[in-house]
């Protein structure tokens, strides 16, 4: 259910043309892909778009792929609207 909410939120943000929130990955981490199965390794310094927050994880978009990463592995300090 959380995954569906994140995906809907990501689509809504892109449709309304809102300013994007970005974060930089601070250390190598796996992004758990929310559509389908699997993960992608993101290297330190990778810039991603933040689309949601779920406890200690951030919902992100990287190269049009939606997924989750631990917030502690990013420099994101803001709040997700």
Protein backbone atom coordinates (compact mmCIF):
# COMPACT_ATOMS: atom_id res chain seq x y z
CA UNK A 1 0.00 0.00 0.00
CA UNK A 2 2.85 2.38 0.87
CA UNK A 3 4.42 1.70 -2.51
CA UNK A 4 1.20 2.58 -4.31
CA UNK A 5 0.93 5.83 -2.34
CA UNK A 6 4.51 6.77 -3.25
CA UNK A 7 3.90 6.03 -6.91
CA UNK A 8 0.69 8.09 -6.96
CA UNK A 9 2.46 10.95 -5.20
CA UNK A 10 5.33 10.84 -7.70
CA UNK A 11 2.89 11.04 -10.62
CA UNK A 12 0.99 13.91 -9.02
CA UNK A 13 4.15 15.92 -8.40
CA UNK A 14 5.30 15.50 -11.99
CA UNK A 15 1.88 16.49 -13.37
CA UNK A 16 1.51 19.72 -11.40
CA UNK A 17 5.05 20.85 -12.22
CA UNK A 18 6.00 21.46 -8.60
CA UNK A 19 9.57 22.29 -7.72
CA UNK A 20 11.52 19.10 -7.28
CA UNK A 21 13.29 18.21 -4.07
CA UNK A 22 16.71 16.70 -4.61
CA UNK A 23 19.03 14.74 -2.36
CA UNK A 24 22.57 13.49 -2.81
CA UNK A 25 23.53 9.95 -1.85
CA UNK A 26 26.33 10.26 0.74
CA UNK A 27 27.53 6.65 0.74
CA UNK A 28 27.00 3.67 -1.53
CA UNK A 29 23.59 2.13 -0.89
CA UNK A 30 20.96 -0.09 -2.48
CA UNK A 31 17.78 1.47 -3.81
CA UNK A 32 14.91 -0.99 -3.40
CA UNK A 33 12.85 -0.76 -6.58
CA UNK A 34 9.15 -0.28 -5.79
CA UNK A 35 7.88 -1.52 -9.15
CA UNK A 36 8.73 -5.15 -9.62
CA UNK A 37 11.57 -6.78 -7.76
CA UNK A 38 15.19 -5.98 -7.23
CA UNK A 39 17.51 -3.20 -6.27
CA UNK A 40 19.98 -0.79 -7.81
CA UNK A 41 23.28 0.20 -6.21
CA UNK A 42 23.65 3.97 -6.03
CA UNK A 43 27.13 5.40 -5.59
CA UNK A 44 28.02 8.30 -3.32
CA UNK A 45 27.45 11.61 -5.09
CA UNK A 46 24.42 10.41 -7.07
CA UNK A 47 21.66 13.04 -7.16
CA UNK A 48 18.09 11.74 -6.83
CA UNK A 49 14.64 13.34 -6.74
CA UNK A 50 12.78 12.97 -3.42
CA UNK A 51 9.06 12.18 -3.81
CA UNK A 52 8.06 10.92 -0.36
CA UNK A 53 9.08 9.79 3.08
CA UNK A 54 8.21 6.58 4.93
CA UNK A 55 9.72 6.59 8.40
CA UNK A 56 13.47 6.22 7.97
CA UNK A 57 13.26 5.78 4.19
CA UNK A 58 12.94 8.27 1.37
CA UNK A 59 10.86 7.61 -1.72
CA UNK A 60 13.04 8.64 -4.64
CA UNK A 61 13.13 8.70 -8.43
CA UNK A 62 16.40 7.87 -10.17
CA UNK A 63 16.44 7.72 -13.98
CA UNK A 64 12.63 7.36 -14.06
CA UNK A 65 12.76 4.43 -11.62
CA UNK A 66 10.92 4.81 -8.32
CA UNK A 67 12.40 3.26 -5.19
CA UNK A 68 13.30 3.57 -1.52
CA UNK A 69 16.62 4.38 0.14
CA UNK A 70 17.51 4.90 3.79
CA UNK A 71 17.32 8.63 4.59
CA UNK A 72 20.50 8.24 6.66
CA UNK A 73 22.44 7.51 3.44
CA UNK A 74 21.48 10.89 1.93
CA UNK A 75 22.05 14.55 2.72
CA UNK A 76 18.29 15.28 2.67
CA UNK A 77 17.33 17.46 5.65
CA UNK A 78 14.08 18.96 4.37
CA UNK A 79 10.49 17.93 4.69
CA UNK A 80 8.48 16.31 1.95
CA UNK A 81 5.26 18.24 1.37
